[in-house]
Amino acid sequence: MKITNQILPFAVSVITLIVGWFGGRRKSAAEVEIIKSDHAEKLLKLNDQYLIAPLTKRIDILSQKIQRLEQALSRISDCSDAKNCPVKNELKKQKNYDTKRITK
């Protein structure tokens, strides 16, 4: 009886310790997952705010500029001074410059 009275409180405290440790471990793992998901969500918002939105605006602006350039280039054939058309001359200079840069 004396041994049972001595072992029983020790056994109960060890069992309580083990159960509490497992419970605390699960709780901390769940908290870590919540923190990870919060950080991922914040990162996505920051990416959208500082990367995607500004780049989307720049792409839209560039698309508009390209459309205007394409319209201007399509009108080259309508130029009244075909031999001295400034647009054609500039495009020829640019083409020659690009060719020289590539071959070097």
Protein backbone atom coordinates (compact mmCIF):
# COMPACT_ATOMS: atom_id res chain seq x y z
CA MET A 1 0.00 0.00 0.00
CA LYS A 2 2.85 2.36 0.84
CA ILE A 3 4.48 1.76 -2.55
CA THR A 4 1.17 2.32 -4.36
CA ASN A 5 0.66 5.59 -2.48
CA GLN A 6 4.14 6.73 -3.51
CA ILE A 7 4.01 5.54 -7.14
CA LEU A 8 0.46 6.70 -7.90
CA PRO A 9 1.10 10.49 -7.56
CA PHE A 10 4.34 10.12 -9.53
CA ALA A 11 2.57 8.15 -12.29
CA VAL A 12 -0.28 10.66 -12.44
CA SER A 13 2.14 13.58 -12.73
CA VAL A 14 4.14 11.81 -15.47
CA ILE A 15 0.97 11.04 -17.43
CA THR A 16 -0.22 14.63 -16.99
CA LEU A 17 3.17 15.86 -18.18
CA ILE A 18 3.09 13.68 -21.30
CA VAL A 19 -0.50 14.60 -22.19
CA GLY A 20 0.24 18.30 -21.61
CA TRP A 21 3.39 18.11 -23.72
CA PHE A 22 1.53 16.52 -26.67
CA GLY A 23 -1.32 19.02 -26.34
CA GLY A 24 1.07 21.95 -26.21
CA ARG A 25 2.97 20.60 -29.19
CA ARG A 26 -0.17 20.39 -31.29
CA LYS A 27 -1.23 23.87 -30.20
CA SER A 28 2.14 25.39 -31.09
CA ALA A 29 2.16 23.61 -34.45
CA ALA A 30 -1.28 25.04 -35.19
CA GLU A 31 -0.13 28.52 -34.17
CA VAL A 32 2.90 28.23 -36.46
CA GLU A 33 0.65 27.29 -39.37
CA ILE A 34 -1.60 30.27 -38.67
CA ILE A 35 1.42 32.59 -38.59
CA LYS A 36 2.73 31.12 -41.85
CA SER A 37 -0.60 31.63 -43.58
CA ASP A 38 -0.81 35.22 -42.29
CA HIS A 39 2.67 35.96 -43.60
CA ALA A 40 1.88 34.41 -46.97
CA GLU A 41 -1.28 36.49 -47.26
CA LYS A 42 0.60 39.69 -46.35
CA LEU A 43 3.32 38.84 -48.86
CA LEU A 44 0.75 38.38 -51.62
CA LYS A 45 -0.83 41.75 -50.78
CA LEU A 46 2.58 43.46 -50.82
CA ASN A 47 3.48 41.82 -54.13
CA ASP A 48 0.23 43.03 -55.62
CA GLN A 49 0.63 46.53 -54.19
CA TYR A 50 4.29 47.14 -55.01
CA LEU A 51 4.99 44.85 -57.98
CA ILE A 52 1.98 43.71 -59.92
CA ALA A 53 -0.10 46.91 -59.86
CA PRO A 54 2.73 49.25 -60.95
CA LEU A 55 3.93 46.83 -63.61
CA THR A 56 0.40 46.44 -64.92
CA LYS A 57 0.13 50.22 -65.24
CA ARG A 58 3.44 50.40 -67.08
CA ILE A 59 2.42 47.59 -69.42
CA ASP A 60 -0.83 49.41 -70.21
CA ILE A 61 1.07 52.62 -70.94
CA LEU A 62 3.57 50.79 -73.14
CA SER A 63 0.75 49.04 -75.00
CA GLN A 64 -0.85 52.39 -75.77
CA LYS A 65 2.47 53.79 -76.96
CA ILE A 66 3.07 50.77 -79.17
CA GLN A 67 -0.38 51.15 -80.71
CA ARG A 68 0.31 54.81 -81.46
CA LEU A 69 3.69 53.90 -82.93
CA GLU A 70 2.15 51.20 -85.10
CA GLN A 71 -0.43 53.68 -86.36
CA ALA A 72 2.31 56.20 -87.14
CA LEU A 73 4.39 53.56 -88.93
CA SER A 74 1.43 52.47 -91.01
CA ARG A 75 1.17 56.05 -92.31
CA ILE A 76 4.75 56.16 -93.59
CA SER A 77 3.65 55.15 -97.05
CA ASP A 78 1.35 58.21 -97.09
CA CYS A 79 4.30 60.56 -96.52
CA SER A 80 4.35 63.23 -99.25
CA ASP A 81 8.14 63.33 -99.37
CA ALA A 82 8.86 59.62 -99.75
CA LYS A 83 12.63 59.98 -100.31
CA ASN A 84 13.24 62.33 -97.41
CA CYS A 85 10.61 61.06 -95.01
CA PRO A 86 12.03 61.69 -91.53
CA VAL A 87 10.38 58.60 -90.10
CA LYS A 88 11.82 56.31 -92.77
CA ASN A 89 15.27 57.85 -92.39
CA GLU A 90 15.19 57.44 -88.62
CA LEU A 91 14.08 53.82 -88.94
CA LYS A 92 16.88 53.12 -91.42
CA LYS A 93 19.44 54.67 -89.04
CA GLN A 94 18.08 52.59 -86.18
CA LYS A 95 18.15 49.42 -88.27
CA ASN A 96 21.78 50.06 -89.29
CA TYR A 97 22.74 50.83 -85.69
CA ASP A 98 21.11 47.62 -84.43
CA THR A 99 22.85 45.59 -87.11
CA LYS A 100 26.23 47.07 -86.16
CA ARG A 101 25.62 46.36 -82.46
CA ILE A 102 24.68 42.77 -83.13
CA THR A 103 27.67 42.03 -85.36
CA LYS A 104 30.25 43.53 -82.98
